[in-house]
């Protein structure tokens, strides 16, 4: 996960949706500046706020769960199921 620069409207929507959906796996939603953090800071944030069922998962695994849900929801929005 290199520093993330929003390059398109789709990327911007992805980031907003990722932050919104993070609340399904974390005790709080990610901060709006999450993608401006470096990799270590992102993983530390996820580790700190992982929702109880995910607290023993690796932060990268929780990130991947959020990422997968985000892509699925974006696909539903774009394609209509």
PDB file of N, CA and C in Angstrom:
ATOM      1  N   UNK A   1       0.829  -1.188   0.000  1.00  0.00           N
ATOM      2  CA  UNK A   1       0.000   0.000   0.000  1.00  0.00           C
ATOM      3  C   UNK A   1       0.875   1.254   0.000  1.00  0.00           C
ATOM      4  N   UNK A   2       1.287   1.730  -1.132  1.00  0.00           N
ATOM      5  CA  UNK A   2       2.055   2.974  -1.180  1.00  0.00           C
ATOM      6  C   UNK A   2       1.165   4.163  -0.857  1.00  0.00           C
ATOM      7  N   UNK A   3       1.794   5.319  -0.664  1.00  0.00           N
ATOM      8  CA  UNK A   3       0.990   6.526  -0.445  1.00  0.00           C
ATOM      9  C   UNK A   3      -0.061   6.590  -1.529  1.00  0.00           C
ATOM     10  N   UNK A   4      -1.272   6.859  -1.149  1.00  0.00           N
ATOM     11  CA  UNK A   4      -2.395   6.780  -2.074  1.00  0.00           C
ATOM     12  C   UNK A   4      -2.764   8.172  -2.551  1.00  0.00           C
ATOM     13  N   UNK A   5      -2.706   8.368  -3.858  1.00  0.00           N
ATOM     14  CA  UNK A   5      -3.112   9.630  -4.461  1.00  0.00           C
ATOM     15  C   UNK A   5      -4.415   9.378  -5.221  1.00  0.00           C
ATOM     16  N   UNK A   6      -5.423  10.164  -4.913  1.00  0.00           N
ATOM     17  CA  UNK A   6      -6.689  10.003  -5.620  1.00  0.00           C
ATOM     18  C   UNK A   6      -6.522  10.546  -7.030  1.00  0.00           C
ATOM     19  N   UNK A   7      -6.628   9.657  -8.028  1.00  0.00           N
ATOM     20  CA  UNK A   7      -6.379  10.039  -9.410  1.00  0.00           C
ATOM     21  C   UNK A   7      -7.640  10.132 -10.243  1.00  0.00           C
ATOM     22  N   UNK A   8      -8.719   9.617  -9.753  1.00  0.00           N
ATOM     23  CA  UNK A   8      -9.932   9.652 -10.551  1.00  0.00           C
ATOM     24  C   UNK A   8     -11.147   9.670  -9.647  1.00  0.00           C
ATOM     25  N   UNK A   9     -12.277   9.944 -10.245  1.00  0.00           N
ATOM     26  CA  UNK A   9     -13.531   9.948  -9.491  1.00  0.00           C
ATOM     27  C   UNK A   9     -13.822   8.561  -8.916  1.00  0.00           C
ATOM     28  N   UNK A  10     -13.511   7.519  -9.668  1.00  0.00           N
ATOM     29  CA  UNK A  10     -13.734   6.152  -9.190  1.00  0.00           C
ATOM     30  C   UNK A  10     -12.873   5.867  -7.954  1.00  0.00           C
ATOM     31  N   UNK A  11     -11.617   6.305  -7.979  1.00  0.00           N
ATOM     32  CA  UNK A  11     -10.740   6.119  -6.826  1.00  0.00           C
ATOM     33  C   UNK A  11     -11.269   6.875  -5.608  1.00  0.00           C
ATOM     34  N   UNK A  12     -11.775   8.070  -5.847  1.00  0.00           N
ATOM     35  CA  UNK A  12     -12.327   8.866  -4.754  1.00  0.00           C
ATOM     36  C   UNK A  12     -13.548   8.171  -4.148  1.00  0.00           C
ATOM     37  N   UNK A  13     -14.412   7.631  -4.993  1.00  0.00           N
ATOM     38  CA  UNK A  13     -15.583   6.894  -4.508  1.00  0.00           C
ATOM     39  C   UNK A  13     -15.149   5.654  -3.734  1.00  0.00           C
ATOM     40  N   UNK A  14     -14.137   4.960  -4.252  1.00  0.00           N
ATOM     41  CA  UNK A  14     -13.621   3.776  -3.573  1.00  0.00           C
ATOM     42  C   UNK A  14     -13.150   4.144  -2.159  1.00  0.00           C
ATOM     43  N   UNK A  15     -12.370   5.198  -2.048  1.00  0.00           N
ATOM     44  CA  UNK A  15     -11.832   5.605  -0.750  1.00  0.00           C
ATOM     45  C   UNK A  15     -12.950   5.956   0.233  1.00  0.00           C
ATOM     46  N   UNK A  16     -13.927   6.710  -0.223  1.00  0.00           N
ATOM     47  CA  UNK A  16     -15.045   7.083   0.646  1.00  0.00           C
ATOM     48  C   UNK A  16     -15.839   5.861   1.078  1.00  0.00           C
ATOM     49  N   UNK A  17     -16.069   4.957   0.151  1.00  0.00           N
ATOM     50  CA  UNK A  17     -16.815   3.747   0.462  1.00  0.00           C
ATOM     51  C   UNK A  17     -16.011   2.842   1.406  1.00  0.00           C
ATOM     52  N   UNK A  18     -14.725   2.710   1.166  1.00  0.00           N
ATOM     53  CA  UNK A  18     -13.840   1.915   2.028  1.00  0.00           C
ATOM     54  C   UNK A  18     -13.918   2.429   3.464  1.00  0.00           C
ATOM     55  N   UNK A  19     -13.838   3.735   3.630  1.00  0.00           N
ATOM     56  CA  UNK A  19     -13.912   4.341   4.964  1.00  0.00           C
ATOM     57  C   UNK A  19     -15.267   4.064   5.595  1.00  0.00           C
ATOM     58  N   UNK A  20     -16.314   4.213   4.825  1.00  0.00           N
ATOM     59  CA  UNK A  20     -17.669   3.980   5.344  1.00  0.00           C
ATOM     60  C   UNK A  20     -17.872   2.518   5.748  1.00  0.00           C
ATOM     61  N   UNK A  21     -17.406   1.597   4.917  1.00  0.00           N
ATOM     62  CA  UNK A  21     -17.598   0.174   5.185  1.00  0.00           C
ATOM     63  C   UNK A  21     -16.650  -0.367   6.255  1.00  0.00           C
ATOM     64  N   UNK A  22     -15.610   0.380   6.571  1.00  0.00           N
ATOM     65  CA  UNK A  22     -14.662  -0.072   7.594  1.00  0.00           C
ATOM     66  C   UNK A  22     -15.348  -0.317   8.933  1.00  0.00           C
ATOM     67  N   UNK A  23     -16.451   0.371   9.181  1.00  0.00           N
ATOM     68  CA  UNK A  23     -17.185   0.207  10.429  1.00  0.00           C
ATOM     69  C   UNK A  23     -17.787  -1.177  10.605  1.00  0.00           C
ATOM     70  N   UNK A  24     -17.796  -1.991   9.548  1.00  0.00           N
ATOM     71  CA  UNK A  24     -18.276  -3.366   9.663  1.00  0.00           C
ATOM     72  C   UNK A  24     -17.222  -4.283  10.281  1.00  0.00           C
ATOM     73  N   UNK A  25     -15.984  -3.805  10.324  1.00  0.00           N
ATOM     74  CA  UNK A  25     -14.875  -4.625  10.818  1.00  0.00           C
ATOM     75  C   UNK A  25     -14.093  -3.952  11.940  1.00  0.00           C
ATOM     76  N   UNK A  26     -14.342  -2.667  12.140  1.00  0.00           N
ATOM     77  CA  UNK A  26     -13.637  -1.902  13.170  1.00  0.00           C
ATOM     78  C   UNK A  26     -14.637  -1.328  14.162  1.00  0.00           C
ATOM     79  N   UNK A  27     -14.157  -0.992  15.345  1.00  0.00           N
ATOM     80  CA  UNK A  27     -15.029  -0.405  16.364  1.00  0.00           C
ATOM     81  C   UNK A  27     -15.405   1.034  16.010  1.00  0.00           C
ATOM     82  N   UNK A  28     -14.650   1.638  15.121  1.00  0.00           N
ATOM     83  CA  UNK A  28     -14.913   2.992  14.626  1.00  0.00           C
ATOM     84  C   UNK A  28     -14.685   2.985  13.118  1.00  0.00           C
ATOM     85  N   UNK A  29     -15.214   3.991  12.439  1.00  0.00           N
ATOM     86  CA  UNK A  29     -14.908   4.139  11.019  1.00  0.00           C
ATOM     87  C   UNK A  29     -13.503   4.729  10.895  1.00  0.00           C
ATOM     88  N   UNK A  30     -12.835   4.408   9.820  1.00  0.00           N
ATOM     89  CA  UNK A  30     -11.533   5.000   9.560  1.00  0.00           C
ATOM     90  C   UNK A  30     -11.675   6.508   9.418  1.00  0.00           C
ATOM     91  N   UNK A  31     -10.616   7.212   9.733  1.00  0.00           N
ATOM     92  CA  UNK A  31     -10.598   8.661   9.569  1.00  0.00           C
ATOM     93  C   UNK A  31     -10.535   9.001   8.077  1.00  0.00           C
ATOM     94  N   UNK A  32     -11.023  10.177   7.724  1.00  0.00           N
ATOM     95  CA  UNK A  32     -11.043  10.600   6.315  1.00  0.00           C
ATOM     96  C   UNK A  32      -9.649  10.657   5.685  1.00  0.00           C
ATOM     97  N   UNK A  33      -8.627  10.856   6.498  1.00  0.00           N
ATOM     98  CA  UNK A  33      -7.259  10.947   5.967  1.00  0.00           C
ATOM     99  C   UNK A  33      -6.519   9.606   5.999  1.00  0.00           C
ATOM    100  N   UNK A  34      -7.243   8.520   6.158  1.00  0.00           N
ATOM    101  CA  UNK A  34      -6.623   7.194   6.284  1.00  0.00           C
ATOM    102  C   UNK A  34      -5.656   6.896   5.144  1.00  0.00           C
ATOM    103  N   UNK A  35      -6.026   7.201   3.924  1.00  0.00           N
ATOM    104  CA  UNK A  35      -5.184   6.864   2.776  1.00  0.00           C
ATOM    105  C   UNK A  35      -3.977   7.793   2.625  1.00  0.00           C
ATOM    106  N   UNK A  36      -3.907   8.810   3.453  1.00  0.00           N
ATOM    107  CA  UNK A  36      -2.726   9.675   3.473  1.00  0.00           C
ATOM    108  C   UNK A  36      -1.667   9.141   4.432  1.00  0.00           C
ATOM    109  N   UNK A  37      -2.041   8.177   5.276  1.00  0.00           N
ATOM    110  CA  UNK A  37      -1.108   7.583   6.227  1.00  0.00           C
ATOM    111  C   UNK A  37      -0.191   6.597   5.512  1.00  0.00           C
ATOM    112  N   UNK A  38       1.012   6.389   6.085  1.00  0.00           N
ATOM    113  CA  UNK A  38       1.884   5.369   5.505  1.00  0.00           C
ATOM    114  C   UNK A  38       1.389   3.981   5.915  1.00  0.00           C
ATOM    115  N   UNK A  39       1.966   2.967   5.323  1.00  0.00           N
ATOM    116  CA  UNK A  39       1.508   1.590   5.538  1.00  0.00           C
ATOM    117  C   UNK A  39       1.481   1.201   7.013  1.00  0.00           C
ATOM    118  N   UNK A  40       2.551   1.516   7.726  1.00  0.00           N
ATOM    119  CA  UNK A  40       2.635   1.139   9.134  1.00  0.00           C
ATOM    120  C   UNK A  40       1.554   1.821   9.961  1.00  0.00           C
ATOM    121  N   UNK A  41       1.306   3.081   9.687  1.00  0.00           N
ATOM    122  CA  UNK A  41       0.274   3.823  10.420  1.00  0.00           C
ATOM    123  C   UNK A  41      -1.117   3.271  10.104  1.00  0.00           C
ATOM    124  N   UNK A  42      -1.350   2.893   8.849  1.00  0.00           N
ATOM    125  CA  UNK A  42      -2.640   2.296   8.483  1.00  0.00           C
ATOM    126  C   UNK A  42      -2.861   0.990   9.243  1.00  0.00           C
ATOM    127  N   UNK A  43      -1.846   0.140   9.267  1.00  0.00           N
ATOM    128  CA  UNK A  43      -1.985  -1.152   9.942  1.00  0.00           C
ATOM    129  C   UNK A  43      -2.120  -0.972  11.454  1.00  0.00           C
ATOM    130  N   UNK A  44      -1.431   0.008  12.010  1.00  0.00           N
ATOM    131  CA  UNK A  44      -1.542   0.286  13.448  1.00  0.00           C
ATOM    132  C   UNK A  44      -2.955   0.743  13.787  1.00  0.00           C
ATOM    133  N   UNK A  45      -3.531   1.582  12.947  1.00  0.00           N
ATOM    134  CA  UNK A  45      -4.895   2.061  13.170  1.00  0.00           C
ATOM    135  C   UNK A  45      -5.876   0.893  13.138  1.00  0.00           C
ATOM    136  N   UNK A  46      -5.748   0.046  12.133  1.00  0.00           N
ATOM    137  CA  UNK A  46      -6.641  -1.102  12.012  1.00  0.00           C
ATOM    138  C   UNK A  46      -6.467  -2.041  13.197  1.00  0.00           C
ATOM    139  N   UNK A  47      -5.238  -2.290  13.594  1.00  0.00           N
ATOM    140  CA  UNK A  47      -4.968  -3.154  14.733  1.00  0.00           C
ATOM    141  C   UNK A  47      -5.580  -2.597  16.013  1.00  0.00           C
ATOM    142  N   UNK A  48      -5.457  -1.308  16.200  1.00  0.00           N
ATOM    143  CA  UNK A  48      -5.967  -0.647  17.405  1.00  0.00           C
ATOM    144  C   UNK A  48      -7.489  -0.711  17.506  1.00  0.00           C
ATOM    145  N   UNK A  49      -8.165  -0.575  16.376  1.00  0.00           N
ATOM    146  CA  UNK A  49      -9.625  -0.450  16.394  1.00  0.00           C
ATOM    147  C   UNK A  49     -10.379  -1.653  15.827  1.00  0.00           C
ATOM    148  N   UNK A  50      -9.684  -2.769  15.636  1.00  0.00           N
ATOM    149  CA  UNK A  50     -10.371  -3.957  15.115  1.00  0.00           C
ATOM    150  C   UNK A  50     -11.525  -4.340  16.042  1.00  0.00           C
ATOM    151  N   UNK A  51     -12.663  -4.603  15.437  1.00  0.00           N
ATOM    152  CA  UNK A  51     -13.852  -5.022  16.168  1.00  0.00           C
ATOM    153  C   UNK A  51     -13.540  -6.359  16.838  1.00  0.00           C
ATOM    154  N   UNK A  52     -14.129  -6.614  17.984  1.00  0.00           N
ATOM    155  CA  UNK A  52     -13.792  -7.778  18.807  1.00  0.00           C
ATOM    156  C   UNK A  52     -13.654  -9.086  18.033  1.00  0.00           C
ATOM    157  N   UNK A  53     -14.589  -9.436  17.135  1.00  0.00           N
ATOM    158  CA  UNK A  53     -14.408 -10.710  16.410  1.00  0.00           C
ATOM    159  C   UNK A  53     -13.152 -10.756  15.530  1.00  0.00           C
ATOM    160  N   UNK A  54     -12.565  -9.595  15.246  1.00  0.00           N
ATOM    161  CA  UNK A  54     -11.397  -9.520  14.366  1.00  0.00           C
ATOM    162  C   UNK A  54     -10.126  -9.092  15.095  1.00  0.00           C
ATOM    163  N   UNK A  55     -10.192  -8.934  16.423  1.00  0.00           N
ATOM    164  CA  UNK A  55      -9.062  -8.374  17.149  1.00  0.00           C
ATOM    165  C   UNK A  55      -7.809  -9.246  17.105  1.00  0.00           C
ATOM    166  N   UNK A  56      -7.950 -10.532  16.838  1.00  0.00           N
ATOM    167  CA  UNK A  56      -6.773 -11.408  16.767  1.00  0.00           C
ATOM    168  C   UNK A  56      -6.346 -11.699  15.332  1.00  0.00           C
ATOM    169  N   UNK A  57      -7.012 -11.078  14.385  1.00  0.00           N
ATOM    170  CA  UNK A  57      -6.619 -11.202  12.975  1.00  0.00           C
ATOM    171  C   UNK A  57      -5.469 -10.235  12.699  1.00  0.00           C
ATOM    172  N   UNK A  58      -4.675 -10.578  11.728  1.00  0.00           N
ATOM    173  CA  UNK A  58      -3.620  -9.661  11.287  1.00  0.00           C
ATOM    174  C   UNK A  58      -4.281  -8.417  10.687  1.00  0.00           C
ATOM    175  N   UNK A  59      -3.710  -7.228  10.930  1.00  0.00           N
ATOM    176  CA  UNK A  59      -4.308  -6.006  10.374  1.00  0.00           C
ATOM    177  C   UNK A  59      -4.471  -6.062   8.859  1.00  0.00           C
ATOM    178  N   UNK A  60      -3.514  -6.660   8.159  1.00  0.00           N
ATOM    179  CA  UNK A  60      -3.613  -6.755   6.695  1.00  0.00           C
ATOM    180  C   UNK A  60      -4.814  -7.601   6.294  1.00  0.00           C
ATOM    181  N   UNK A  61      -5.119  -8.632   7.076  1.00  0.00           N
ATOM    182  CA  UNK A  61      -6.285  -9.469   6.788  1.00  0.00           C
ATOM    183  C   UNK A  61      -7.584  -8.678   6.960  1.00  0.00           C
ATOM    184  N   UNK A  62      -7.636  -7.845   7.992  1.00  0.00           N
ATOM    185  CA  UNK A  62      -8.823  -7.008   8.215  1.00  0.00           C
ATOM    186  C   UNK A  62      -8.937  -5.982   7.088  1.00  0.00           C
ATOM    187  N   UNK A  63      -7.808  -5.386   6.702  1.00  0.00           N
ATOM    188  CA  UNK A  63      -7.788  -4.460   5.572  1.00  0.00           C
ATOM    189  C   UNK A  63      -8.353  -5.157   4.329  1.00  0.00           C
ATOM    190  N   UNK A  64      -7.916  -6.384   4.083  1.00  0.00           N
ATOM    191  CA  UNK A  64      -8.375  -7.126   2.920  1.00  0.00           C
ATOM    192  C   UNK A  64      -9.875  -7.407   2.975  1.00  0.00           C
ATOM    193  N   UNK A  65     -10.408  -7.678   4.166  1.00  0.00           N
ATOM    194  CA  UNK A  65     -11.852  -7.877   4.307  1.00  0.00           C
ATOM    195  C   UNK A  65     -12.614  -6.607   3.928  1.00  0.00           C
ATOM    196  N   UNK A  66     -12.123  -5.475   4.401  1.00  0.00           N
ATOM    197  CA  UNK A  66     -12.760  -4.188   4.070  1.00  0.00           C
ATOM    198  C   UNK A  66     -12.658  -3.948   2.563  1.00  0.00           C
ATOM    199  N   UNK A  67     -11.486  -4.207   2.017  1.00  0.00           N
ATOM    200  CA  UNK A  67     -11.243  -4.021   0.586  1.00  0.00           C
ATOM    201  C   UNK A  67     -12.185  -4.893  -0.249  1.00  0.00           C
ATOM    202  N   UNK A  68     -12.319  -6.157   0.110  1.00  0.00           N
ATOM    203  CA  UNK A  68     -13.203  -7.060  -0.629  1.00  0.00           C
ATOM    204  C   UNK A  68     -14.651  -6.600  -0.582  1.00  0.00           C
ATOM    205  N   UNK A  69     -15.108  -6.189   0.597  1.00  0.00           N
ATOM    206  CA  UNK A  69     -16.481  -5.691   0.719  1.00  0.00           C
ATOM    207  C   UNK A  69     -16.667  -4.429  -0.113  1.00  0.00           C
ATOM    208  N   UNK A  70     -15.680  -3.561  -0.101  1.00  0.00           N
ATOM    209  CA  UNK A  70     -15.750  -2.321  -0.875  1.00  0.00           C
ATOM    210  C   UNK A  70     -15.889  -2.617  -2.359  1.00  0.00           C
ATOM    211  N   UNK A  71     -15.068  -3.526  -2.875  1.00  0.00           N
ATOM    212  CA  UNK A  71     -15.163  -3.879  -4.297  1.00  0.00           C
ATOM    213  C   UNK A  71     -16.510  -4.508  -4.636  1.00  0.00           C
ATOM    214  N   UNK A  72     -17.025  -5.351  -3.754  1.00  0.00           N
ATOM    215  CA  UNK A  72     -18.328  -5.972  -4.001  1.00  0.00           C
ATOM    216  C   UNK A  72     -19.436  -4.921  -4.056  1.00  0.00           C
ATOM    217  N   UNK A  73     -19.428  -3.998  -3.126  1.00  0.00           N
ATOM    218  CA  UNK A  73     -20.458  -2.953  -3.095  1.00  0.00           C
ATOM    219  C   UNK A  73     -20.318  -2.039  -4.309  1.00  0.00           C
ATOM    220  N   UNK A  74     -19.086  -1.685  -4.672  1.00  0.00           N
ATOM    221  CA  UNK A  74     -18.894  -0.856  -5.869  1.00  0.00           C
ATOM    222  C   UNK A  74     -19.421  -1.569  -7.109  1.00  0.00           C
ATOM    223  N   UNK A  75     -19.187  -2.862  -7.192  1.00  0.00           N
ATOM    224  CA  UNK A  75     -19.680  -3.634  -8.330  1.00  0.00           C
ATOM    225  C   UNK A  75     -21.208  -3.605  -8.376  1.00  0.00           C
ATOM    226  N   UNK A  76     -21.842  -3.776  -7.230  1.00  0.00           N
ATOM    227  CA  UNK A  76     -23.305  -3.730  -7.175  1.00  0.00           C
ATOM    228  C   UNK A  76     -23.817  -2.363  -7.599  1.00  0.00           C
ATOM    229  N   UNK A  77     -23.162  -1.312  -7.134  1.00  0.00           N
ATOM    230  CA  UNK A  77     -23.582   0.048  -7.489  1.00  0.00           C
ATOM    231  C   UNK A  77     -23.422   0.271  -8.990  1.00  0.00           C
ATOM    232  N   UNK A  78     -22.286  -0.147  -9.542  1.00  0.00           N
ATOM    233  CA  UNK A  78     -21.999   0.086 -10.956  1.00  0.00           C
ATOM    234  C   UNK A  78     -22.821  -0.809 -11.892  1.00  0.00           C
ATOM    235  N   UNK A  79     -22.979  -2.067 -11.513  1.00  0.00           N
ATOM    236  CA  UNK A  79     -23.610  -3.038 -12.411  1.00  0.00           C
ATOM    237  C   UNK A  79     -25.067  -3.337 -12.044  1.00  0.00           C
ATOM    238  N   UNK A  80     -25.461  -2.947 -10.849  1.00  0.00           N
ATOM    239  CA  UNK A  80     -26.832  -3.249 -10.425  1.00  0.00           C
ATOM    240  C   UNK A  80     -27.025  -4.714 -10.090  1.00  0.00           C
ATOM    241  N   UNK A  81     -26.152  -5.290  -9.352  1.00  0.00           N
ATOM    242  CA  UNK A  81     -26.129  -6.675  -8.863  1.00  0.00           C
ATOM    243  C   UNK A  81     -25.379  -7.529  -9.795  1.00  0.00           C
TER     244      UNK A  81
END
